[in-house]
Each structure stands twice: as C-alpha cells, then as structure tokens.
Amino acid sequence: MSRNYNRSEQEKKGLYVEVRNNDVGRAMRRLKKLINAEGLTKELRAREYYEKPSLKKKREKAQARKRWLKLVEKNKENW
C-alpha cells in the first residue's frame, strides 16, 4: 500500500529548522536543541566505533547500577 506524498510533505519528515531573517545563529541553536532532544549526538558517538556485545552489556549494566544507587541515595532522605 503506497501513499502519494507531494514533495513538501516528504521533506518535512526529518529534523529541519527554518532560517528567518537571515538569522543563522538562532537557527543553529534551535537545531542543536532538537538534535540533543532526539538523542542523535549520543547515538552518533556510540556508532562511531564498533562495540563488542559483551562490552555493551557490561556498560549498560554499570549504567543501570549507577541509576539504581542514585535512586537509593535519593530515597534515603525520605526514611
């Protein structure tokens, strides 16, 4: 099942920022915020080099432990 999209709808699928009044600086700041909100910079850094599955699992486990310990410390104040 294919849909008939016109050209402008296809171009607006990804991230884009309009430059208004030749203010490129503001457009760049806005684009950087969008990219960070989407998590693209983290993904690009992760894909920059190959990471073995075992190392990936170890890293994710360490991150989970760090989050858990942070939550425990936060909840100690409520006791």
PDB file of N, CA and C in Angstrom:
ATOM      1  N   MET A   1       0.855  -1.172   0.000  1.00  0.00           N
ATOM      2  CA  MET A   1       0.000   0.000   0.000  1.00  0.00           C
ATOM      3  C   MET A   1       0.898   1.231   0.000  1.00  0.00           C
ATOM      4  N   SER A   2       0.865   1.985  -1.050  1.00  0.00           N
ATOM      5  CA  SER A   2       1.706   3.170  -1.119  1.00  0.00           C
ATOM      6  C   SER A   2       0.847   4.421  -1.082  1.00  0.00           C
ATOM      7  N   ARG A   3       1.379   5.411  -0.462  1.00  0.00           N
ATOM      8  CA  ARG A   3       0.678   6.690  -0.382  1.00  0.00           C
ATOM      9  C   ARG A   3       1.312   7.655  -1.361  1.00  0.00           C
ATOM     10  N   ASN A   4       0.519   8.567  -1.842  1.00  0.00           N
ATOM     11  CA  ASN A   4       1.035   9.594  -2.735  1.00  0.00           C
ATOM     12  C   ASN A   4       1.324  10.841  -1.923  1.00  0.00           C
ATOM     13  N   TYR A   5       2.590  11.085  -1.647  1.00  0.00           N
ATOM     14  CA  TYR A   5       3.010  12.280  -0.927  1.00  0.00           C
ATOM     15  C   TYR A   5       3.523  13.289  -1.931  1.00  0.00           C
ATOM     16  N   ASN A   6       3.215  14.528  -1.696  1.00  0.00           N
ATOM     17  CA  ASN A   6       3.869  15.527  -2.533  1.00  0.00           C
ATOM     18  C   ASN A   6       5.246  15.821  -1.947  1.00  0.00           C
ATOM     19  N   ARG A   7       6.059  16.520  -2.675  1.00  0.00           N
ATOM     20  CA  ARG A   7       7.462  16.718  -2.316  1.00  0.00           C
ATOM     21  C   ARG A   7       7.631  17.415  -0.966  1.00  0.00           C
ATOM     22  N   SER A   8       6.813  18.424  -0.656  1.00  0.00           N
ATOM     23  CA  SER A   8       6.997  19.187   0.583  1.00  0.00           C
ATOM     24  C   SER A   8       6.711  18.333   1.814  1.00  0.00           C
ATOM     25  N   GLU A   9       5.762  17.396   1.738  1.00  0.00           N
ATOM     26  CA  GLU A   9       5.473  16.537   2.888  1.00  0.00           C
ATOM     27  C   GLU A   9       6.616  15.558   3.147  1.00  0.00           C
ATOM     28  N   GLN A  10       7.261  15.086   2.088  1.00  0.00           N
ATOM     29  CA  GLN A  10       8.374  14.165   2.258  1.00  0.00           C
ATOM     30  C   GLN A  10       9.575  14.854   2.870  1.00  0.00           C
ATOM     31  N   GLU A  11       9.801  16.101   2.528  1.00  0.00           N
ATOM     32  CA  GLU A  11      10.954  16.819   3.055  1.00  0.00           C
ATOM     33  C   GLU A  11      10.796  17.128   4.539  1.00  0.00           C
ATOM     34  N   LYS A  12       9.601  17.226   5.040  1.00  0.00           N
ATOM     35  CA  LYS A  12       9.365  17.617   6.425  1.00  0.00           C
ATOM     36  C   LYS A  12       9.339  16.430   7.378  1.00  0.00           C
ATOM     37  N   LYS A  13       9.709  15.239   6.923  1.00  0.00           N
ATOM     38  CA  LYS A  13       9.692  14.069   7.792  1.00  0.00           C
ATOM     39  C   LYS A  13      10.815  14.100   8.823  1.00  0.00           C
ATOM     40  N   GLY A  14      11.983  14.594   8.452  1.00  0.00           N
ATOM     41  CA  GLY A  14      13.122  14.602   9.360  1.00  0.00           C
ATOM     42  C   GLY A  14      13.175  15.883  10.164  1.00  0.00           C
ATOM     43  N   LEU A  15      14.308  16.089  10.826  1.00  0.00           N
ATOM     44  CA  LEU A  15      14.510  17.323  11.572  1.00  0.00           C
ATOM     45  C   LEU A  15      14.841  18.450  10.610  1.00  0.00           C
ATOM     46  N   TYR A  16      14.226  19.569  10.805  1.00  0.00           N
ATOM     47  CA  TYR A  16      14.547  20.722   9.987  1.00  0.00           C
ATOM     48  C   TYR A  16      14.271  21.995  10.769  1.00  0.00           C
ATOM     49  N   VAL A  17      14.975  23.041  10.416  1.00  0.00           N
ATOM     50  CA  VAL A  17      14.808  24.348  11.052  1.00  0.00           C
ATOM     51  C   VAL A  17      14.787  25.388   9.942  1.00  0.00           C
ATOM     52  N   GLU A  18      13.834  26.277  10.008  1.00  0.00           N
ATOM     53  CA  GLU A  18      13.765  27.354   9.024  1.00  0.00           C
ATOM     54  C   GLU A  18      14.621  28.525   9.491  1.00  0.00           C
ATOM     55  N   VAL A  19      15.341  29.119   8.553  1.00  0.00           N
ATOM     56  CA  VAL A  19      16.148  30.300   8.853  1.00  0.00           C
ATOM     57  C   VAL A  19      15.311  31.519   8.486  1.00  0.00           C
ATOM     58  N   ARG A  20      15.007  32.314   9.477  1.00  0.00           N
ATOM     59  CA  ARG A  20      14.184  33.501   9.250  1.00  0.00           C
ATOM     60  C   ARG A  20      15.028  34.753   9.418  1.00  0.00           C
ATOM     61  N   ASN A  21      14.828  35.709   8.536  1.00  0.00           N
ATOM     62  CA  ASN A  21      15.525  36.988   8.579  1.00  0.00           C
ATOM     63  C   ASN A  21      17.045  36.831   8.572  1.00  0.00           C
ATOM     64  N   ASN A  22      17.530  35.828   7.880  1.00  0.00           N
ATOM     65  CA  ASN A  22      18.974  35.559   7.780  1.00  0.00           C
ATOM     66  C   ASN A  22      19.645  35.405   9.139  1.00  0.00           C
ATOM     67  N   ASP A  23      18.901  34.936  10.129  1.00  0.00           N
ATOM     68  CA  ASP A  23      19.448  34.732  11.474  1.00  0.00           C
ATOM     69  C   ASP A  23      19.904  33.274  11.608  1.00  0.00           C
ATOM     70  N   VAL A  24      21.081  32.995  11.070  1.00  0.00           N
ATOM     71  CA  VAL A  24      21.603  31.634  11.058  1.00  0.00           C
ATOM     72  C   VAL A  24      21.990  31.179  12.459  1.00  0.00           C
ATOM     73  N   GLY A  25      22.475  32.105  13.285  1.00  0.00           N
ATOM     74  CA  GLY A  25      22.883  31.747  14.654  1.00  0.00           C
ATOM     75  C   GLY A  25      21.726  31.183  15.461  1.00  0.00           C
ATOM     76  N   ARG A  26      20.578  31.833  15.368  1.00  0.00           N
ATOM     77  CA  ARG A  26      19.403  31.358  16.101  1.00  0.00           C
ATOM     78  C   ARG A  26      18.954  30.000  15.558  1.00  0.00           C
ATOM     79  N   ALA A  27      19.002  29.837  14.244  1.00  0.00           N
ATOM     80  CA  ALA A  27      18.610  28.563  13.636  1.00  0.00           C
ATOM     81  C   ALA A  27      19.545  27.445  14.080  1.00  0.00           C
ATOM     82  N   MET A  28      20.842  27.730  14.175  1.00  0.00           N
ATOM     83  CA  MET A  28      21.799  26.713  14.623  1.00  0.00           C
ATOM     84  C   MET A  28      21.544  26.310  16.066  1.00  0.00           C
ATOM     85  N   ARG A  29      21.273  27.295  16.925  1.00  0.00           N
ATOM     86  CA  ARG A  29      20.974  26.973  18.324  1.00  0.00           C
ATOM     87  C   ARG A  29      19.730  26.098  18.412  1.00  0.00           C
ATOM     88  N   ARG A  30      18.732  26.436  17.628  1.00  0.00           N
ATOM     89  CA  ARG A  30      17.486  25.670  17.651  1.00  0.00           C
ATOM     90  C   ARG A  30      17.714  24.249  17.147  1.00  0.00           C
ATOM     91  N   LEU A  31      18.522  24.108  16.084  1.00  0.00           N
ATOM     92  CA  LEU A  31      18.830  22.790  15.541  1.00  0.00           C
ATOM     93  C   LEU A  31      19.595  21.948  16.558  1.00  0.00           C
ATOM     94  N   LYS A  32      20.552  22.559  17.260  1.00  0.00           N
ATOM     95  CA  LYS A  32      21.313  21.829  18.275  1.00  0.00           C
ATOM     96  C   LYS A  32      20.398  21.321  19.381  1.00  0.00           C
ATOM     97  N   LYS A  33      19.422  22.141  19.793  1.00  0.00           N
ATOM     98  CA  LYS A  33      18.470  21.715  20.817  1.00  0.00           C
ATOM     99  C   LYS A  33      17.644  20.540  20.332  1.00  0.00           C
ATOM    100  N   LEU A  34      17.197  20.592  19.072  1.00  0.00           N
ATOM    101  CA  LEU A  34      16.420  19.488  18.507  1.00  0.00           C
ATOM    102  C   LEU A  34      17.237  18.200  18.449  1.00  0.00           C
ATOM    103  N   ILE A  35      18.486  18.326  18.027  1.00  0.00           N
ATOM    104  CA  ILE A  35      19.350  17.153  17.912  1.00  0.00           C
ATOM    105  C   ILE A  35      19.599  16.539  19.285  1.00  0.00           C
ATOM    106  N   ASN A  36      19.837  17.367  20.299  1.00  0.00           N
ATOM    107  CA  ASN A  36      20.052  16.847  21.649  1.00  0.00           C
ATOM    108  C   ASN A  36      18.790  16.210  22.198  1.00  0.00           C
ATOM    109  N   ALA A  37      17.636  16.800  21.913  1.00  0.00           N
ATOM    110  CA  ALA A  37      16.371  16.249  22.396  1.00  0.00           C
ATOM    111  C   ALA A  37      16.104  14.881  21.769  1.00  0.00           C
ATOM    112  N   GLU A  38      16.500  14.696  20.532  1.00  0.00           N
ATOM    113  CA  GLU A  38      16.308  13.412  19.851  1.00  0.00           C
ATOM    114  C   GLU A  38      17.348  12.381  20.274  1.00  0.00           C
ATOM    115  N   GLY A  39      18.446  12.811  20.857  1.00  0.00           N
ATOM    116  CA  GLY A  39      19.487  11.885  21.279  1.00  0.00           C
ATOM    117  C   GLY A  39      20.403  11.473  20.144  1.00  0.00           C
ATOM    118  N   LEU A  40      20.460  12.247  19.091  1.00  0.00           N
ATOM    119  CA  LEU A  40      21.285  11.885  17.942  1.00  0.00           C
ATOM    120  C   LEU A  40      22.770  11.952  18.243  1.00  0.00           C
ATOM    121  N   THR A  41      23.189  12.907  19.068  1.00  0.00           N
ATOM    122  CA  THR A  41      24.621  13.018  19.352  1.00  0.00           C
ATOM    123  C   THR A  41      25.119  11.793  20.110  1.00  0.00           C
ATOM    124  N   LYS A  42      24.326  11.312  21.058  1.00  0.00           N
ATOM    125  CA  LYS A  42      24.722  10.103  21.803  1.00  0.00           C
ATOM    126  C   LYS A  42      24.788   8.896  20.883  1.00  0.00           C
ATOM    127  N   GLU A  43      23.811   8.807  19.980  1.00  0.00           N
ATOM    128  CA  GLU A  43      23.790   7.677  19.060  1.00  0.00           C
ATOM    129  C   GLU A  43      24.983   7.717  18.105  1.00  0.00           C
ATOM    130  N   LEU A  44      25.320   8.908  17.617  1.00  0.00           N
ATOM    131  CA  LEU A  44      26.468   9.026  16.722  1.00  0.00           C
ATOM    132  C   LEU A  44      27.764   8.649  17.417  1.00  0.00           C
ATOM    133  N   ARG A  45      27.917   9.081  18.669  1.00  0.00           N
ATOM    134  CA  ARG A  45      29.122   8.713  19.419  1.00  0.00           C
ATOM    135  C   ARG A  45      29.180   7.207  19.647  1.00  0.00           C
ATOM    136  N   ALA A  46      28.024   6.616  19.926  1.00  0.00           N
ATOM    137  CA  ALA A  46      28.000   5.176  20.168  1.00  0.00           C
ATOM    138  C   ALA A  46      28.336   4.399  18.900  1.00  0.00           C
ATOM    139  N   ARG A  47      27.925   4.898  17.760  1.00  0.00           N
ATOM    140  CA  ARG A  47      28.161   4.198  16.494  1.00  0.00           C
ATOM    141  C   ARG A  47      29.493   4.561  15.847  1.00  0.00           C
ATOM    142  N   GLU A  48      30.236   5.455  16.454  1.00  0.00           N
ATOM    143  CA  GLU A  48      31.498   5.880  15.866  1.00  0.00           C
ATOM    144  C   GLU A  48      32.480   4.711  15.778  1.00  0.00           C
ATOM    145  N   TYR A  49      32.509   3.872  16.794  1.00  0.00           N
ATOM    146  CA  TYR A  49      33.374   2.707  16.820  1.00  0.00           C
ATOM    147  C   TYR A  49      32.527   1.484  17.166  1.00  0.00           C
ATOM    148  N   TYR A  50      32.946   0.340  16.686  1.00  0.00           N
ATOM    149  CA  TYR A  50      32.241  -0.897  16.993  1.00  0.00           C
ATOM    150  C   TYR A  50      32.454  -1.254  18.454  1.00  0.00           C
ATOM    151  N   GLU A  51      31.380  -1.655  19.095  1.00  0.00           N
ATOM    152  CA  GLU A  51      31.458  -2.079  20.491  1.00  0.00           C
ATOM    153  C   GLU A  51      30.998  -3.534  20.573  1.00  0.00           C
ATOM    154  N   LYS A  52      31.852  -4.358  21.135  1.00  0.00           N
ATOM    155  CA  LYS A  52      31.502  -5.767  21.253  1.00  0.00           C
ATOM    156  C   LYS A  52      30.250  -5.916  22.107  1.00  0.00           C
ATOM    157  N   PRO A  53      29.404  -6.884  21.800  1.00  0.00           N
ATOM    158  CA  PRO A  53      28.179  -7.076  22.574  1.00  0.00           C
ATOM    159  C   PRO A  53      28.433  -7.286  24.064  1.00  0.00           C
ATOM    160  N   SER A  54      29.509  -7.971  24.403  1.00  0.00           N
ATOM    161  CA  SER A  54      29.795  -8.209  25.819  1.00  0.00           C
ATOM    162  C   SER A  54      30.138  -6.895  26.526  1.00  0.00           C
ATOM    163  N   LEU A  55      30.897  -6.022  25.846  1.00  0.00           N
ATOM    164  CA  LEU A  55      31.241  -4.733  26.447  1.00  0.00           C
ATOM    165  C   LEU A  55      30.024  -3.816  26.530  1.00  0.00           C
ATOM    166  N   LYS A  56      29.161  -3.915  25.542  1.00  0.00           N
ATOM    167  CA  LYS A  56      27.937  -3.118  25.549  1.00  0.00           C
ATOM    168  C   LYS A  56      27.061  -3.524  26.735  1.00  0.00           C
ATOM    169  N   LYS A  57      26.936  -4.842  26.936  1.00  0.00           N
ATOM    170  CA  LYS A  57      26.135  -5.353  28.049  1.00  0.00           C
ATOM    171  C   LYS A  57      26.727  -4.912  29.387  1.00  0.00           C
ATOM    172  N   LYS A  58      28.047  -4.969  29.493  1.00  0.00           N
ATOM    173  CA  LYS A  58      28.729  -4.565  30.722  1.00  0.00           C
ATOM    174  C   LYS A  58      28.523  -3.078  31.003  1.00  0.00           C
ATOM    175  N   ARG A  59      28.622  -2.250  29.957  1.00  0.00           N
ATOM    176  CA  ARG A  59      28.433  -0.806  30.107  1.00  0.00           C
ATOM    177  C   ARG A  59      26.997  -0.479  30.525  1.00  0.00           C
ATOM    178  N   GLU A  60      26.020  -1.119  29.869  1.00  0.00           N
ATOM    179  CA  GLU A  60      24.624  -0.866  30.198  1.00  0.00           C
ATOM    180  C   GLU A  60      24.298  -1.318  31.624  1.00  0.00           C
ATOM    181  N   LYS A  61      24.899  -2.408  32.051  1.00  0.00           N
ATOM    182  CA  LYS A  61      24.686  -2.899  33.412  1.00  0.00           C
ATOM    183  C   LYS A  61      25.265  -1.926  34.433  1.00  0.00           C
ATOM    184  N   ALA A  62      26.436  -1.376  34.138  1.00  0.00           N
ATOM    185  CA  ALA A  62      27.051  -0.396  35.034  1.00  0.00           C
ATOM    186  C   ALA A  62      26.203   0.875  35.106  1.00  0.00           C
ATOM    187  N   GLN A  63      25.644   1.296  33.975  1.00  0.00           N
ATOM    188  CA  GLN A  63      24.775   2.473  33.971  1.00  0.00           C
ATOM    189  C   GLN A  63      23.515   2.230  34.788  1.00  0.00           C
ATOM    190  N   ALA A  64      22.954   1.032  34.664  1.00  0.00           N
ATOM    191  CA  ALA A  64      21.754   0.690  35.431  1.00  0.00           C
ATOM    192  C   ALA A  64      22.052   0.686  36.926  1.00  0.00           C
ATOM    193  N   ARG A  65      23.225   0.135  37.303  1.00  0.00           N
ATOM    194  CA  ARG A  65      23.620   0.112  38.712  1.00  0.00           C
ATOM    195  C   ARG A  65      23.796   1.527  39.245  1.00  0.00           C
ATOM    196  N   LYS A  66      24.389   2.394  38.430  1.00  0.00           N
ATOM    197  CA  LYS A  66      24.584   3.785  38.829  1.00  0.00           C
ATOM    198  C   LYS A  66      23.241   4.484  39.046  1.00  0.00           C
ATOM    199  N   ARG A  67      22.292   4.246  38.127  1.00  0.00           N
ATOM    200  CA  ARG A  67      20.951   4.832  38.289  1.00  0.00           C
ATOM    201  C   ARG A  67      20.278   4.322  39.553  1.00  0.00           C
ATOM    202  N   TRP A  68      20.429   3.008  39.821  1.00  0.00           N
ATOM    203  CA  TRP A  68      19.816   2.408  40.994  1.00  0.00           C
ATOM    204  C   TRP A  68      20.397   2.996  42.280  1.00  0.00           C
ATOM    205  N   LEU A  69      21.720   3.110  42.354  1.00  0.00           N
ATOM    206  CA  LEU A  69      22.365   3.664  43.539  1.00  0.00           C
ATOM    207  C   LEU A  69      21.960   5.119  43.756  1.00  0.00           C
ATOM    208  N   LYS A  70      21.820   5.860  42.668  1.00  0.00           N
ATOM    209  CA  LYS A  70      21.376   7.246  42.762  1.00  0.00           C
ATOM    210  C   LYS A  70      19.954   7.320  43.323  1.00  0.00           C
ATOM    211  N   LEU A  71      19.090   6.417  42.878  1.00  0.00           N
ATOM    212  CA  LEU A  71      17.717   6.374  43.376  1.00  0.00           C
ATOM    213  C   LEU A  71      17.671   5.999  44.855  1.00  0.00           C
ATOM    214  N   VAL A  72      18.518   5.043  45.255  1.00  0.00           N
ATOM    215  CA  VAL A  72      18.577   4.632  46.661  1.00  0.00           C
ATOM    216  C   VAL A  72      19.034   5.802  47.533  1.00  0.00           C
ATOM    217  N   GLU A  73      20.064   6.518  47.092  1.00  0.00           N
ATOM    218  CA  GLU A  73      20.547   7.688  47.852  1.00  0.00           C
ATOM    219  C   GLU A  73      19.468   8.752  47.972  1.00  0.00           C
ATOM    220  N   LYS A  74      18.727   8.951  46.919  1.00  0.00           N
ATOM    221  CA  LYS A  74      17.670   9.954  46.918  1.00  0.00           C
ATOM    222  C   LYS A  74      16.564   9.567  47.908  1.00  0.00           C
ATOM    223  N   ASN A  75      16.250   8.277  47.948  1.00  0.00           N
ATOM    224  CA  ASN A  75      15.165   7.807  48.813  1.00  0.00           C
ATOM    225  C   ASN A  75      15.587   7.656  50.264  1.00  0.00           C
ATOM    226  N   LYS A  76      16.898   7.670  50.557  1.00  0.00           N
ATOM    227  CA  LYS A  76      17.366   7.589  51.947  1.00  0.00           C
ATOM    228  C   LYS A  76      16.878   8.792  52.744  1.00  0.00           C
ATOM    229  N   GLU A  77      16.763   9.940  52.068  1.00  0.00           N
ATOM    230  CA  GLU A  77      16.320  11.153  52.748  1.00  0.00           C
ATOM    231  C   GLU A  77      14.877  11.067  53.199  1.00  0.00           C
ATOM    232  N   ASN A  78      14.072  10.259  52.504  1.00  0.00           N
ATOM    233  CA  ASN A  78      12.648  10.131  52.825  1.00  0.00           C
ATOM    234  C   ASN A  78      12.373   9.209  53.995  1.00  0.00           C
ATOM    235  N   TRP A  79      13.376   8.405  54.434  1.00  0.00           N
ATOM    236  CA  TRP A  79      13.159   7.452  55.511  1.00  0.00           C
ATOM    237  C   TRP A  79      13.115   8.130  56.813  1.00  0.00           C
TER     238      TRP A  79
END
